[in-house]
């Protein structure tokens, strides 16, 4: 099966890394199912990709803070005859207020968006990938997963979860032709900091710390195709991660795969 007969589901596709993933995959001939809250942006992107690359490009507007969204997305794909071969779990945000001062529905939405929804989407699509003997899953983690936790923020813990569960699922699925990669970018030029309200602070950081979304996507896609369970894009980010972790990521992965007393298969 070639890229021309495969479909990628991309969440958070309306901006930043999500848009870059959509363009990258369309250029390789993948059909696309684009998901985000903003239908107008999705439709504009879909039209661009159809015109530029002559690929099928479907759109489904959904808010992944809604617990019903993952099932609705997969049900829509089934009704449209779309088989999900690639899953890009990209949608995300971060709070910027104190934990105790943030209303619980806001925190619950953050957890739903970046923990429950991507996990459910993996669960709903990975079985089919395994049966067909081919699949690729990229989960957007962060360099924050390798950093000390940030005061008041759920973000570091959430992204650590994403990095670890990606490796656990890669151990299970790789023998069946399905690769799972945690993509862990550092500072990336996108709307993320505008949404967080931290654009002024972020803009003061040295340029060497920043990457463009296209760079992040290129490294992440090459990593998942090569079967690498963790991808930290950019030389500077790799140096930062290696400086704060006691064991290299590769060694942690090997130990987790070989020493787990509860492994199944």
C-alpha atoms as a PDB file:
ATOM      1  CA  UNK A   1       0.000   0.000   0.000  1.00  0.00           C
ATOM      2  CA  UNK A   2       1.352   3.418  -0.971  1.00  0.00           C
ATOM      3  CA  UNK A   3       0.866   6.852   0.555  1.00  0.00           C
ATOM      4  CA  UNK A   4      -1.690   7.553  -2.187  1.00  0.00           C
ATOM      5  CA  UNK A   5      -4.007   4.939  -0.702  1.00  0.00           C
ATOM      6  CA  UNK A   6      -3.514   5.930   2.953  1.00  0.00           C
ATOM      7  CA  UNK A   7      -5.252   8.538   5.079  1.00  0.00           C
ATOM      8  CA  UNK A   8      -3.909  10.648   7.933  1.00  0.00           C
ATOM      9  CA  UNK A   9      -6.037  12.110  10.705  1.00  0.00           C
ATOM     10  CA  UNK A  10      -4.522  15.362  11.988  1.00  0.00           C
ATOM     11  CA  UNK A  11      -5.935  17.096  15.067  1.00  0.00           C
ATOM     12  CA  UNK A  12      -5.271  20.747  15.768  1.00  0.00           C
ATOM     13  CA  UNK A  13      -4.828  21.113  12.019  1.00  0.00           C
ATOM     14  CA  UNK A  14      -5.898  24.755  11.759  1.00  0.00           C
ATOM     15  CA  UNK A  15      -2.563  26.297  12.805  1.00  0.00           C
ATOM     16  CA  UNK A  16       1.113  25.782  13.631  1.00  0.00           C
ATOM     17  CA  UNK A  17       2.513  22.275  13.746  1.00  0.00           C
ATOM     18  CA  UNK A  18      -0.848  20.759  12.803  1.00  0.00           C
ATOM     19  CA  UNK A  19      -1.036  22.753   9.572  1.00  0.00           C
ATOM     20  CA  UNK A  20       2.595  21.930   8.831  1.00  0.00           C
ATOM     21  CA  UNK A  21       1.871  18.212   9.280  1.00  0.00           C
ATOM     22  CA  UNK A  22      -1.121  18.444   6.944  1.00  0.00           C
ATOM     23  CA  UNK A  23       0.952  20.125   4.229  1.00  0.00           C
ATOM     24  CA  UNK A  24       3.850  17.701   4.692  1.00  0.00           C
ATOM     25  CA  UNK A  25       1.637  14.621   4.404  1.00  0.00           C
ATOM     26  CA  UNK A  26      -0.384  15.991   1.493  1.00  0.00           C
ATOM     27  CA  UNK A  27       2.860  16.629  -0.385  1.00  0.00           C
ATOM     28  CA  UNK A  28       3.647  12.937   0.009  1.00  0.00           C
ATOM     29  CA  UNK A  29       0.271  11.897  -1.372  1.00  0.00           C
ATOM     30  CA  UNK A  30      -1.621  11.048   1.817  1.00  0.00           C
ATOM     31  CA  UNK A  31      -5.333  11.730   1.954  1.00  0.00           C
ATOM     32  CA  UNK A  32      -6.294  13.775   4.994  1.00  0.00           C
ATOM     33  CA  UNK A  33      -8.985  14.125   7.619  1.00  0.00           C
ATOM     34  CA  UNK A  34      -8.416  17.501   9.263  1.00  0.00           C
ATOM     35  CA  UNK A  35      -9.825  18.213  12.721  1.00  0.00           C
ATOM     36  CA  UNK A  36      -9.925  21.442  14.731  1.00  0.00           C
ATOM     37  CA  UNK A  37     -12.461  23.829  16.250  1.00  0.00           C
ATOM     38  CA  UNK A  38     -12.259  26.458  13.495  1.00  0.00           C
ATOM     39  CA  UNK A  39     -14.129  25.139  10.471  1.00  0.00           C
ATOM     40  CA  UNK A  40     -13.321  28.177   8.330  1.00  0.00           C
ATOM     41  CA  UNK A  41      -9.577  27.643   8.674  1.00  0.00           C
ATOM     42  CA  UNK A  42      -9.931  23.921   8.042  1.00  0.00           C
ATOM     43  CA  UNK A  43     -11.910  24.524   4.874  1.00  0.00           C
ATOM     44  CA  UNK A  44      -9.346  27.023   3.594  1.00  0.00           C
ATOM     45  CA  UNK A  45      -6.499  24.592   4.292  1.00  0.00           C
ATOM     46  CA  UNK A  46      -8.377  21.686   2.708  1.00  0.00           C
ATOM     47  CA  UNK A  47      -8.996  23.717  -0.448  1.00  0.00           C
ATOM     48  CA  UNK A  48      -5.308  24.643  -0.612  1.00  0.00           C
ATOM     49  CA  UNK A  49      -4.174  21.040  -0.252  1.00  0.00           C
ATOM     50  CA  UNK A  50      -6.634  19.719  -2.824  1.00  0.00           C
ATOM     51  CA  UNK A  51      -5.549  22.336  -5.339  1.00  0.00           C
ATOM     52  CA  UNK A  52      -1.820  21.980  -4.681  1.00  0.00           C
ATOM     53  CA  UNK A  53      -1.475  18.229  -4.277  1.00  0.00           C
ATOM     54  CA  UNK A  54      -4.673  16.730  -5.755  1.00  0.00           C
ATOM     55  CA  UNK A  55      -5.370  14.680  -2.629  1.00  0.00           C
ATOM     56  CA  UNK A  56      -8.629  13.894  -0.890  1.00  0.00           C
ATOM     57  CA  UNK A  57      -9.003  16.203   2.078  1.00  0.00           C
ATOM     58  CA  UNK A  58     -11.973  15.908   4.444  1.00  0.00           C
ATOM     59  CA  UNK A  59     -12.794  18.311   7.255  1.00  0.00           C
ATOM     60  CA  UNK A  60     -14.460  17.668  10.603  1.00  0.00           C
ATOM     61  CA  UNK A  61     -14.903  20.562  13.020  1.00  0.00           C
ATOM     62  CA  UNK A  62     -14.691  19.354  16.624  1.00  0.00           C
ATOM     63  CA  UNK A  63     -13.667  20.622  20.031  1.00  0.00           C
ATOM     64  CA  UNK A  64     -11.552  17.925  21.657  1.00  0.00           C
ATOM     65  CA  UNK A  65     -12.288  19.301  25.118  1.00  0.00           C
ATOM     66  CA  UNK A  66     -15.703  17.683  24.544  1.00  0.00           C
ATOM     67  CA  UNK A  67     -15.582  14.062  25.790  1.00  0.00           C
ATOM     68  CA  UNK A  68     -17.830  13.010  22.895  1.00  0.00           C
ATOM     69  CA  UNK A  69     -15.473  14.353  20.213  1.00  0.00           C
ATOM     70  CA  UNK A  70     -13.080  11.401  19.684  1.00  0.00           C
ATOM     71  CA  UNK A  71     -15.904   8.939  19.064  1.00  0.00           C
ATOM     72  CA  UNK A  72     -17.644  11.442  16.775  1.00  0.00           C
ATOM     73  CA  UNK A  73     -14.479  11.877  14.709  1.00  0.00           C
ATOM     74  CA  UNK A  74     -13.941   8.156  14.222  1.00  0.00           C
ATOM     75  CA  UNK A  75     -17.646   7.545  13.538  1.00  0.00           C
ATOM     76  CA  UNK A  76     -17.530  10.277  10.876  1.00  0.00           C
ATOM     77  CA  UNK A  77     -14.499   8.639   9.280  1.00  0.00           C
ATOM     78  CA  UNK A  78     -16.278   5.280   9.191  1.00  0.00           C
ATOM     79  CA  UNK A  79     -19.407   6.767   7.625  1.00  0.00           C
ATOM     80  CA  UNK A  80     -17.294   8.454   4.957  1.00  0.00           C
ATOM     81  CA  UNK A  81     -15.407   5.247   4.191  1.00  0.00           C
ATOM     82  CA  UNK A  82     -12.159   6.701   5.553  1.00  0.00           C
ATOM     83  CA  UNK A  83      -9.584   4.263   6.927  1.00  0.00           C
ATOM     84  CA  UNK A  84      -7.178   5.911   9.375  1.00  0.00           C
ATOM     85  CA  UNK A  85      -3.609   4.774   8.695  1.00  0.00           C
ATOM     86  CA  UNK A  86      -1.785   7.732  10.263  1.00  0.00           C
ATOM     87  CA  UNK A  87      -2.781   9.579  13.423  1.00  0.00           C
ATOM     88  CA  UNK A  88      -1.224  12.924  14.320  1.00  0.00           C
ATOM     89  CA  UNK A  89      -2.340  13.834  17.854  1.00  0.00           C
ATOM     90  CA  UNK A  90      -1.374  17.489  17.762  1.00  0.00           C
ATOM     91  CA  UNK A  91      -4.162  19.520  19.403  1.00  0.00           C
ATOM     92  CA  UNK A  92      -3.045  21.211  22.610  1.00  0.00           C
ATOM     93  CA  UNK A  93      -2.876  24.250  24.837  1.00  0.00           C
ATOM     94  CA  UNK A  94      -1.519  25.248  28.220  1.00  0.00           C
ATOM     95  CA  UNK A  95      -3.024  27.125  31.118  1.00  0.00           C
ATOM     96  CA  UNK A  96      -1.246  30.167  32.486  1.00  0.00           C
ATOM     97  CA  UNK A  97      -2.973  30.734  35.819  1.00  0.00           C
ATOM     98  CA  UNK A  98      -2.463  29.258  39.278  1.00  0.00           C
ATOM     99  CA  UNK A  99      -3.910  25.776  39.736  1.00  0.00           C
ATOM    100  CA  UNK A 100      -6.018  26.714  42.763  1.00  0.00           C
ATOM    101  CA  UNK A 101      -7.381  29.810  41.020  1.00  0.00           C
ATOM    102  CA  UNK A 102      -8.376  28.025  37.823  1.00  0.00           C
ATOM    103  CA  UNK A 103     -11.957  26.751  37.598  1.00  0.00           C
ATOM    104  CA  UNK A 104     -12.157  22.967  37.492  1.00  0.00           C
ATOM    105  CA  UNK A 105     -13.971  22.868  34.113  1.00  0.00           C
ATOM    106  CA  UNK A 106     -10.968  24.664  32.591  1.00  0.00           C
ATOM    107  CA  UNK A 107      -8.499  22.162  34.046  1.00  0.00           C
ATOM    108  CA  UNK A 108     -10.741  19.243  33.086  1.00  0.00           C
ATOM    109  CA  UNK A 109     -10.831  20.548  29.530  1.00  0.00           C
ATOM    110  CA  UNK A 110      -7.047  20.704  29.429  1.00  0.00           C
ATOM    111  CA  UNK A 111      -6.809  17.082  30.583  1.00  0.00           C
ATOM    112  CA  UNK A 112      -9.525  15.976  28.150  1.00  0.00           C
ATOM    113  CA  UNK A 113      -7.814  17.735  25.236  1.00  0.00           C
ATOM    114  CA  UNK A 114      -4.264  16.498  25.786  1.00  0.00           C
ATOM    115  CA  UNK A 115      -4.619  13.255  27.773  1.00  0.00           C
ATOM    116  CA  UNK A 116      -7.991  11.595  27.304  1.00  0.00           C
ATOM    117  CA  UNK A 117      -8.749  12.575  23.704  1.00  0.00           C
ATOM    118  CA  UNK A 118      -5.415  11.527  22.177  1.00  0.00           C
ATOM    119  CA  UNK A 119      -5.436   8.300  24.184  1.00  0.00           C
ATOM    120  CA  UNK A 120      -8.964   7.514  23.015  1.00  0.00           C
ATOM    121  CA  UNK A 121      -8.121   8.316  19.406  1.00  0.00           C
ATOM    122  CA  UNK A 122      -5.174   5.946  19.595  1.00  0.00           C
ATOM    123  CA  UNK A 123      -7.373   3.246  21.092  1.00  0.00           C
ATOM    124  CA  UNK A 124     -10.017   3.708  18.405  1.00  0.00           C
ATOM    125  CA  UNK A 125      -7.576   3.635  15.476  1.00  0.00           C
ATOM    126  CA  UNK A 126      -4.584   1.497  16.478  1.00  0.00           C
ATOM    127  CA  UNK A 127      -6.510  -1.784  16.331  1.00  0.00           C
ATOM    128  CA  UNK A 128      -7.240  -1.307  12.642  1.00  0.00           C
ATOM    129  CA  UNK A 129      -3.637  -0.338  11.958  1.00  0.00           C
ATOM    130  CA  UNK A 130      -2.473  -3.491  13.709  1.00  0.00           C
ATOM    131  CA  UNK A 131      -4.862  -5.680  11.728  1.00  0.00           C
ATOM    132  CA  UNK A 132      -3.634  -4.181   8.458  1.00  0.00           C
ATOM    133  CA  UNK A 133       0.021  -4.496   9.484  1.00  0.00           C
ATOM    134  CA  UNK A 134       0.898  -0.831   9.005  1.00  0.00           C
ATOM    135  CA  UNK A 135       0.317   2.413  10.865  1.00  0.00           C
ATOM    136  CA  UNK A 136       2.032   5.542  12.121  1.00  0.00           C
ATOM    137  CA  UNK A 137       1.101   7.562  15.215  1.00  0.00           C
ATOM    138  CA  UNK A 138       2.767  10.828  16.212  1.00  0.00           C
ATOM    139  CA  UNK A 139       1.828  12.263  19.585  1.00  0.00           C
ATOM    140  CA  UNK A 140       2.819  15.859  20.303  1.00  0.00           C
ATOM    141  CA  UNK A 141       4.676  15.908  23.576  1.00  0.00           C
ATOM    142  CA  UNK A 142       7.142  18.657  24.428  1.00  0.00           C
ATOM    143  CA  UNK A 143      10.650  19.381  25.585  1.00  0.00           C
ATOM    144  CA  UNK A 144       8.834  20.168  28.831  1.00  0.00           C
ATOM    145  CA  UNK A 145       8.511  16.405  29.364  1.00  0.00           C
ATOM    146  CA  UNK A 146      12.268  16.354  30.010  1.00  0.00           C
ATOM    147  CA  UNK A 147      12.348  19.519  32.105  1.00  0.00           C
ATOM    148  CA  UNK A 148      11.644  20.303  35.759  1.00  0.00           C
ATOM    149  CA  UNK A 149       7.921  20.800  36.383  1.00  0.00           C
ATOM    150  CA  UNK A 150       6.537  24.315  36.014  1.00  0.00           C
ATOM    151  CA  UNK A 151       4.855  25.838  39.054  1.00  0.00           C
ATOM    152  CA  UNK A 152       1.051  25.593  38.916  1.00  0.00           C
ATOM    153  CA  UNK A 153       1.011  23.995  35.461  1.00  0.00           C
ATOM    154  CA  UNK A 154      -0.475  20.671  34.409  1.00  0.00           C
ATOM    155  CA  UNK A 155       1.425  20.979  31.129  1.00  0.00           C
ATOM    156  CA  UNK A 156       4.679  19.330  32.224  1.00  0.00           C
ATOM    157  CA  UNK A 157       2.877  16.349  33.733  1.00  0.00           C
ATOM    158  CA  UNK A 158       0.589  15.998  30.727  1.00  0.00           C
ATOM    159  CA  UNK A 159       3.443  16.073  28.245  1.00  0.00           C
ATOM    160  CA  UNK A 160       5.403  13.578  30.362  1.00  0.00           C
ATOM    161  CA  UNK A 161       2.399  11.265  30.167  1.00  0.00           C
ATOM    162  CA  UNK A 162       2.287  11.661  26.375  1.00  0.00           C
ATOM    163  CA  UNK A 163       5.995  10.863  26.045  1.00  0.00           C
ATOM    164  CA  UNK A 164       5.809   7.785  28.257  1.00  0.00           C
ATOM    165  CA  UNK A 165       2.574   6.312  26.924  1.00  0.00           C
ATOM    166  CA  UNK A 166       3.846   6.741  23.363  1.00  0.00           C
ATOM    167  CA  UNK A 167       6.841   4.581  24.180  1.00  0.00           C
ATOM    168  CA  UNK A 168       4.674   1.987  25.942  1.00  0.00           C
ATOM    169  CA  UNK A 169       2.356   1.684  22.949  1.00  0.00           C
ATOM    170  CA  UNK A 170       5.268   1.592  20.521  1.00  0.00           C
ATOM    171  CA  UNK A 171       6.618  -1.433  22.408  1.00  0.00           C
ATOM    172  CA  UNK A 172       3.268  -3.193  21.936  1.00  0.00           C
ATOM    173  CA  UNK A 173       2.529  -2.200  18.360  1.00  0.00           C
ATOM    174  CA  UNK A 174       5.897  -2.109  16.605  1.00  0.00           C
ATOM    175  CA  UNK A 175       6.039  -5.907  16.088  1.00  0.00           C
ATOM    176  CA  UNK A 176       2.788  -5.495  14.127  1.00  0.00           C
ATOM    177  CA  UNK A 177       4.066  -2.775  11.795  1.00  0.00           C
ATOM    178  CA  UNK A 178       2.717   0.201  13.745  1.00  0.00           C
ATOM    179  CA  UNK A 179       5.184   2.860  14.917  1.00  0.00           C
ATOM    180  CA  UNK A 180       4.369   5.328  17.702  1.00  0.00           C
ATOM    181  CA  UNK A 181       6.544   8.398  18.260  1.00  0.00           C
ATOM    182  CA  UNK A 182       6.432  11.114  20.904  1.00  0.00           C
ATOM    183  CA  UNK A 183       7.464  14.336  19.160  1.00  0.00           C
ATOM    184  CA  UNK A 184       8.976  16.670  21.761  1.00  0.00           C
ATOM    185  CA  UNK A 185       9.622  20.135  20.315  1.00  0.00           C
ATOM    186  CA  UNK A 186      10.889  23.110  22.244  1.00  0.00           C
ATOM    187  CA  UNK A 187       9.967  26.691  21.373  1.00  0.00           C
ATOM    188  CA  UNK A 188       8.226  26.688  17.998  1.00  0.00           C
ATOM    189  CA  UNK A 189       6.885  29.646  16.027  1.00  0.00           C
ATOM    190  CA  UNK A 190       3.105  29.201  16.147  1.00  0.00           C
ATOM    191  CA  UNK A 191      -0.017  30.644  17.782  1.00  0.00           C
ATOM    192  CA  UNK A 192       0.583  28.636  20.958  1.00  0.00           C
ATOM    193  CA  UNK A 193       2.026  31.535  22.946  1.00  0.00           C
ATOM    194  CA  UNK A 194      -0.647  33.924  21.710  1.00  0.00           C
ATOM    195  CA  UNK A 195      -3.334  31.578  23.044  1.00  0.00           C
ATOM    196  CA  UNK A 196      -1.447  31.271  26.351  1.00  0.00           C
ATOM    197  CA  UNK A 197      -0.985  35.023  26.588  1.00  0.00           C
ATOM    198  CA  UNK A 198       2.790  34.668  26.860  1.00  0.00           C
ATOM    199  CA  UNK A 199       3.817  36.116  23.497  1.00  0.00           C
ATOM    200  CA  UNK A 200       5.681  39.096  25.031  1.00  0.00           C
ATOM    201  CA  UNK A 201       7.758  36.859  27.296  1.00  0.00           C
ATOM    202  CA  UNK A 202       8.429  34.307  24.565  1.00  0.00           C
ATOM    203  CA  UNK A 203       9.530  36.962  22.088  1.00  0.00           C
ATOM    204  CA  UNK A 204      12.386  37.943  24.399  1.00  0.00           C
ATOM    205  CA  UNK A 205      14.001  34.510  24.187  1.00  0.00           C
ATOM    206  CA  UNK A 206      17.123  34.089  22.015  1.00  0.00           C
ATOM    207  CA  UNK A 207      16.473  33.144  18.408  1.00  0.00           C
ATOM    208  CA  UNK A 208      18.659  30.042  18.697  1.00  0.00           C
ATOM    209  CA  UNK A 209      16.008  28.440  20.909  1.00  0.00           C
ATOM    210  CA  UNK A 210      13.287  28.659  18.247  1.00  0.00           C
ATOM    211  CA  UNK A 211      12.300  26.339  15.415  1.00  0.00           C
ATOM    212  CA  UNK A 212       9.846  26.663  12.559  1.00  0.00           C
ATOM    213  CA  UNK A 213       6.905  24.226  12.434  1.00  0.00           C
ATOM    214  CA  UNK A 214       8.154  22.759   9.149  1.00  0.00           C
ATOM    215  CA  UNK A 215      11.458  21.785  10.779  1.00  0.00           C
ATOM    216  CA  UNK A 216       9.697  20.111  13.690  1.00  0.00           C
ATOM    217  CA  UNK A 217       7.369  18.198  11.385  1.00  0.00           C
ATOM    218  CA  UNK A 218      10.142  17.029   9.079  1.00  0.00           C
ATOM    219  CA  UNK A 219      12.163  15.592  11.965  1.00  0.00           C
ATOM    220  CA  UNK A 220       9.097  14.098  13.614  1.00  0.00           C
ATOM    221  CA  UNK A 221       7.872  12.380  10.465  1.00  0.00           C
ATOM    222  CA  UNK A 222      11.313  11.004   9.655  1.00  0.00           C
ATOM    223  CA  UNK A 223      11.498   9.672  13.215  1.00  0.00           C
ATOM    224  CA  UNK A 224       8.183   7.821  13.145  1.00  0.00           C
ATOM    225  CA  UNK A 225       8.951   6.354   9.723  1.00  0.00           C
ATOM    226  CA  UNK A 226      12.293   5.145  11.087  1.00  0.00           C
ATOM    227  CA  UNK A 227      10.629   3.614  14.154  1.00  0.00           C
ATOM    228  CA  UNK A 228      12.090   5.994  16.735  1.00  0.00           C
ATOM    229  CA  UNK A 229       9.803   6.144  19.786  1.00  0.00           C
ATOM    230  CA  UNK A 230      10.976   9.616  20.877  1.00  0.00           C
ATOM    231  CA  UNK A 231      11.993  12.554  18.719  1.00  0.00           C
ATOM    232  CA  UNK A 232      13.505  15.711  20.194  1.00  0.00           C
ATOM    233  CA  UNK A 233      13.911  17.986  17.164  1.00  0.00           C
ATOM    234  CA  UNK A 234      16.776  20.439  16.945  1.00  0.00           C
ATOM    235  CA  UNK A 235      20.333  20.286  18.261  1.00  0.00           C
ATOM    236  CA  UNK A 236      19.754  22.809  21.029  1.00  0.00           C
ATOM    237  CA  UNK A 237      16.714  20.911  22.305  1.00  0.00           C
ATOM    238  CA  UNK A 238      18.646  17.641  22.313  1.00  0.00           C
ATOM    239  CA  UNK A 239      21.378  19.253  24.401  1.00  0.00           C
ATOM    240  CA  UNK A 240      18.832  20.658  26.858  1.00  0.00           C
ATOM    241  CA  UNK A 241      17.076  17.311  27.223  1.00  0.00           C
ATOM    242  CA  UNK A 242      20.312  15.376  27.729  1.00  0.00           C
ATOM    243  CA  UNK A 243      21.399  17.863  30.382  1.00  0.00           C
ATOM    244  CA  UNK A 244      18.360  17.331  32.618  1.00  0.00           C
ATOM    245  CA  UNK A 245      17.760  13.603  32.221  1.00  0.00           C
ATOM    246  CA  UNK A 246      19.848  11.122  34.271  1.00  0.00           C
ATOM    247  CA  UNK A 247      19.491   8.359  31.668  1.00  0.00           C
ATOM    248  CA  UNK A 248      19.395   8.723  27.870  1.00  0.00           C
ATOM    249  CA  UNK A 249      15.918   8.308  26.375  1.00  0.00           C
ATOM    250  CA  UNK A 250      17.056   5.319  24.310  1.00  0.00           C
ATOM    251  CA  UNK A 251      18.312   3.485  27.395  1.00  0.00           C
ATOM    252  CA  UNK A 252      15.104   4.243  29.289  1.00  0.00           C
ATOM    253  CA  UNK A 253      13.139   2.754  26.402  1.00  0.00           C
ATOM    254  CA  UNK A 254      15.241  -0.436  26.331  1.00  0.00           C
ATOM    255  CA  UNK A 255      14.947  -0.887  30.091  1.00  0.00           C
ATOM    256  CA  UNK A 256      11.201  -0.316  29.993  1.00  0.00           C
ATOM    257  CA  UNK A 257      10.748  -2.851  27.228  1.00  0.00           C
ATOM    258  CA  UNK A 258      12.950  -5.583  28.697  1.00  0.00           C
ATOM    259  CA  UNK A 259      12.457  -5.282  32.456  1.00  0.00           C
ATOM    260  CA  UNK A 260       8.660  -4.845  32.596  1.00  0.00           C
ATOM    261  CA  UNK A 261       7.310  -7.765  34.668  1.00  0.00           C
ATOM    262  CA  UNK A 262       3.771  -7.167  33.400  1.00  0.00           C
ATOM    263  CA  UNK A 263       4.452  -7.116  29.653  1.00  0.00           C
ATOM    264  CA  UNK A 264       2.026  -8.989  27.487  1.00  0.00           C
ATOM    265  CA  UNK A 265       3.299 -10.316  24.190  1.00  0.00           C
END
